Protein backbone atom coordinates (compact mmCIF):
# COMPACT_ATOMS: atom_id res chain seq x y z
CA MET A 1 -25.05 41.75 -19.65
CA ALA A 2 -27.88 41.52 -19.49
CA GLN A 3 -29.72 42.15 -22.56
CA GLU A 4 -32.25 44.93 -22.69
CA SER A 5 -36.41 44.51 -24.67
CA LEU A 6 -36.37 46.99 -27.80
CA THR A 7 -39.35 49.04 -26.83
CA PRO A 8 -40.63 51.57 -28.57
CA SER A 9 -38.47 54.46 -27.47
CA ASP A 10 -34.50 54.21 -28.64
CA LEU A 11 -33.03 52.50 -26.65
CA THR A 12 -29.38 53.02 -26.27
CA VAL A 13 -27.54 50.79 -24.46
CA PRO A 14 -24.14 49.12 -24.64
CA LEU A 15 -22.60 46.29 -26.39
CA VAL A 16 -19.11 46.01 -24.93
CA PRO A 17 -16.87 47.68 -23.78
CA GLY A 18 -17.19 51.36 -26.08
CA VAL A 19 -18.96 51.09 -28.28
CA TRP A 20 -22.86 51.09 -28.08
CA ILE A 21 -25.88 49.38 -30.22
CA ARG A 22 -29.12 51.42 -30.20
CA LEU A 23 -31.48 52.61 -33.15
CA LEU A 24 -31.06 53.99 -36.22
CA ARG A 25 -32.49 57.71 -36.63
CA ARG A 26 -33.31 60.12 -39.38
CA THR A 27 -30.33 62.34 -37.92
CA ASP A 28 -27.56 59.97 -39.36
CA ALA A 29 -27.46 59.71 -42.11
CA ALA A 30 -23.60 62.23 -42.15
CA GLY A 31 -22.62 59.11 -39.33
CA MET A 32 -23.17 56.52 -41.84
CA SER A 33 -21.82 58.90 -44.91
CA GLN A 34 -18.63 58.79 -42.65
CA ALA A 35 -19.01 55.56 -42.09
CA TYR A 36 -19.14 53.88 -45.08
CA SER A 37 -16.62 56.04 -45.93
CA ARG A 38 -14.23 55.46 -44.01
CA ASN A 39 -14.79 51.87 -44.40
CA ARG A 40 -15.29 51.76 -48.50
CA ASP A 41 -12.44 49.51 -49.29
CA HIS A 42 -13.27 47.67 -46.16
CA LEU A 43 -16.86 46.41 -46.97
CA ALA A 44 -16.58 46.63 -50.62
CA PRO A 45 -15.34 42.46 -50.86
CA TRP A 46 -19.04 41.76 -49.34
CA GLU A 47 -21.46 44.01 -50.19
CA PRO A 48 -23.49 45.23 -53.33
CA ALA A 49 -21.10 47.39 -55.65
CA ARG A 50 -21.34 50.98 -54.96
CA ASP A 51 -21.87 53.98 -56.46
CA GLU A 52 -20.18 57.53 -55.55
CA ALA A 53 -24.07 58.88 -54.69
CA PHE A 54 -24.48 55.82 -52.10
CA PHE A 55 -21.44 57.28 -49.66
CA SER A 56 -23.31 61.03 -50.09
CA PRO A 57 -25.95 62.20 -46.65
CA GLY A 58 -29.03 62.12 -48.86
CA HIS A 59 -28.48 59.07 -50.41
CA GLN A 60 -28.28 57.80 -46.72
CA LEU A 61 -31.23 60.33 -45.65
CA ASN A 62 -32.93 58.05 -48.33
CA ILE A 63 -32.09 54.88 -47.09
CA ILE A 64 -32.69 55.79 -43.55
CA GLN A 65 -36.68 57.10 -44.70
CA ALA A 66 -36.82 53.85 -46.15
CA LYS A 67 -35.14 51.97 -42.97
CA LEU A 68 -37.39 53.52 -40.75
CA ALA A 69 -40.39 53.43 -42.81
CA GLN A 70 -40.33 49.60 -42.72
CA LEU A 71 -39.44 49.39 -39.38
CA SER A 72 -42.76 51.15 -38.61
CA VAL A 73 -44.94 48.37 -40.33
CA GLY A 74 -42.27 45.68 -38.10
CA GLN A 75 -40.44 44.69 -41.33
CA GLU A 76 -37.35 45.15 -40.48
CA ILE A 77 -34.85 46.58 -37.32
CA PRO A 78 -32.06 48.62 -38.43
CA TRP A 79 -29.51 49.55 -35.71
CA VAL A 80 -26.29 51.18 -35.27
CA LEU A 81 -23.30 50.07 -33.45
CA VAL A 82 -21.55 54.00 -31.91
CA ASP A 83 -18.44 54.74 -30.25
CA GLY A 84 -20.28 55.92 -27.26
CA ALA A 85 -23.40 56.23 -25.15
CA GLU A 86 -24.07 60.19 -26.64
CA SER A 87 -21.46 60.17 -29.51
CA ALA A 88 -22.53 60.61 -33.43
CA LYS A 89 -19.83 58.28 -34.94
CA ILE A 90 -20.68 55.36 -36.41
CA VAL A 91 -18.99 52.12 -36.25
CA GLY A 92 -21.25 49.58 -37.59
CA ALA A 93 -24.80 47.91 -38.35
CA VAL A 94 -26.93 45.36 -37.14
CA THR A 95 -29.85 44.92 -39.32
CA LEU A 96 -33.12 42.62 -39.12
CA THR A 97 -34.65 42.88 -42.63
CA GLY A 98 -37.39 40.73 -44.38
CA ILE A 99 -38.79 39.81 -41.04
CA VAL A 100 -42.17 37.53 -41.61
CA ARG A 101 -44.66 36.35 -39.21
CA GLY A 102 -47.19 33.92 -40.01
CA PRO A 103 -46.22 30.15 -39.59
CA PHE A 104 -42.13 31.53 -41.33
CA LEU A 105 -42.07 34.25 -38.44
CA ASN A 106 -38.22 35.17 -39.91
CA ALA A 107 -35.38 37.59 -40.58
CA ASN A 108 -32.37 37.99 -42.13
CA LEU A 109 -30.31 39.16 -40.50
CA GLY A 110 -27.57 41.60 -41.64
CA TYR A 111 -24.43 43.58 -39.69
CA TRP A 112 -20.66 44.97 -40.26
CA VAL A 113 -18.17 46.45 -38.30
CA ASP A 114 -15.48 49.25 -38.61
CA ALA A 115 -13.05 47.73 -40.00
CA GLY A 116 -10.50 49.38 -37.35
CA LEU A 117 -12.72 47.60 -34.89
CA GLY A 118 -12.56 44.01 -35.78
CA ARG A 119 -11.47 40.60 -34.29
CA GLN A 120 -12.61 42.28 -31.05
CA GLY A 121 -15.95 40.47 -30.58
CA ILE A 122 -18.38 43.71 -31.17
CA GLY A 123 -19.66 41.95 -34.18
CA SER A 124 -20.43 39.00 -32.71
CA ALA A 125 -22.07 41.00 -29.19
CA ALA A 126 -24.14 42.61 -31.96
CA VAL A 127 -25.49 39.16 -33.56
CA ARG A 128 -26.18 37.90 -30.04
CA PHE A 129 -28.08 40.98 -29.03
CA ALA A 130 -30.31 41.19 -32.59
CA ALA A 131 -30.48 37.54 -32.14
CA ASN A 132 -31.95 38.21 -28.18
CA GLN A 133 -34.39 40.92 -29.63
CA ALA A 134 -35.74 38.34 -33.01
CA ARG A 135 -36.64 35.99 -29.85
CA GLU A 136 -37.24 37.98 -27.01
CA SER A 137 -39.68 41.16 -28.49
CA LEU A 138 -40.25 39.64 -31.89
CA GLY A 139 -41.33 36.44 -31.41
CA LEU A 140 -39.16 34.72 -34.19
CA HIS A 141 -38.89 31.57 -34.15
CA ARG A 142 -35.65 31.82 -36.76
CA VAL A 143 -33.11 34.09 -37.80
CA GLN A 144 -31.20 33.61 -41.40
CA ALA A 145 -27.88 35.09 -42.74
CA ALA A 146 -25.97 34.34 -45.62
CA THR A 147 -22.02 34.88 -46.04
CA LEU A 148 -19.74 34.87 -49.41
CA LEU A 149 -17.61 31.31 -49.49
CA HIS A 150 -14.30 32.82 -48.48
CA ASN A 151 -16.28 36.01 -45.58
CA GLU A 152 -14.01 33.59 -43.08
CA PRO A 153 -14.63 36.43 -40.23
CA SER A 154 -18.49 35.92 -41.18
CA ARG A 155 -18.82 32.85 -41.17
CA ARG A 156 -16.56 32.02 -37.33
CA ILE A 157 -18.92 35.32 -36.33
CA LEU A 158 -22.30 32.91 -36.35
CA ARG A 159 -20.34 29.55 -35.88
CA SER A 160 -19.44 31.60 -32.48
CA THR A 161 -23.23 33.08 -31.83
CA GLY A 162 -25.14 29.42 -32.64
CA PHE A 163 -25.70 29.92 -35.98
CA GLN A 164 -25.38 26.62 -37.98
CA GLU A 165 -24.55 26.51 -41.82
CA ILE A 166 -27.19 25.05 -44.04
CA GLY A 167 -26.22 24.64 -47.59
CA VAL A 168 -24.83 26.68 -50.62
CA ALA A 169 -27.54 29.32 -52.94
CA PRO A 170 -26.28 29.78 -55.79
CA GLU A 171 -25.41 32.82 -57.03
CA TYR A 172 -27.65 33.78 -54.74
CA LEU A 173 -27.12 37.40 -54.40
CA LYS A 174 -24.96 40.01 -56.88
CA ILE A 175 -21.59 41.16 -55.23
CA ALA A 176 -18.74 42.96 -55.98
CA GLY A 177 -20.51 43.73 -59.24
CA ARG A 178 -20.86 39.58 -60.08
CA TRP A 179 -23.13 36.73 -58.32
CA GLN A 180 -21.15 34.83 -55.89
CA ASP A 181 -22.92 31.67 -53.97
CA HIS A 182 -23.22 31.91 -50.63
CA LEU A 183 -23.54 29.97 -47.49
CA LEU A 184 -26.59 29.47 -45.78
CA HIS A 185 -27.10 29.95 -42.01
CA GLN A 186 -29.99 29.31 -40.03
CA LEU A 187 -30.04 29.75 -35.69
CA ILE A 188 -33.38 28.62 -34.22
CA LEU A 189 -34.56 31.27 -31.36
CA ASP A 190 -37.03 28.40 -30.03
CA ALA A 191 -35.46 24.95 -29.56
């Protein structure tokens, strides 16, 4: 399927059969709260330690407002994956953060997919969508991603979408309550 370019409007486009992708909305606080609550155990080994407040709609609204502020100044693009074009059920997310212009033309990539939807190509499709947007809509040169060394499913997604492993960053991020080494990946977009 040809990917559509991101426009200022809030497009909802098919990603894979049954799953659509669109920009995060202010009205997604309850949906994000439900998605994170449903996936709490699934995501815990791969994300920072979360306190109970994180899972509340109020806290998710604060996060959404911060992300939308970053979107408005061109430093982040947050998308959510939903289980249908009109659905509010969020089943994942993909985000380009830390967008840098100038000689770097780079963004960081983050993503997750609902525990019940693994191994269906959804993560790979979301990463391809974000990389295409980084290339076509943002004119970026490079996207980078970091995975825990033992996160083979995420490493598989990055390999299948053309990312190259470029090295290990010791104690890179505090994940699951402790500083952990990460494998760095990059995708050169204009090669």
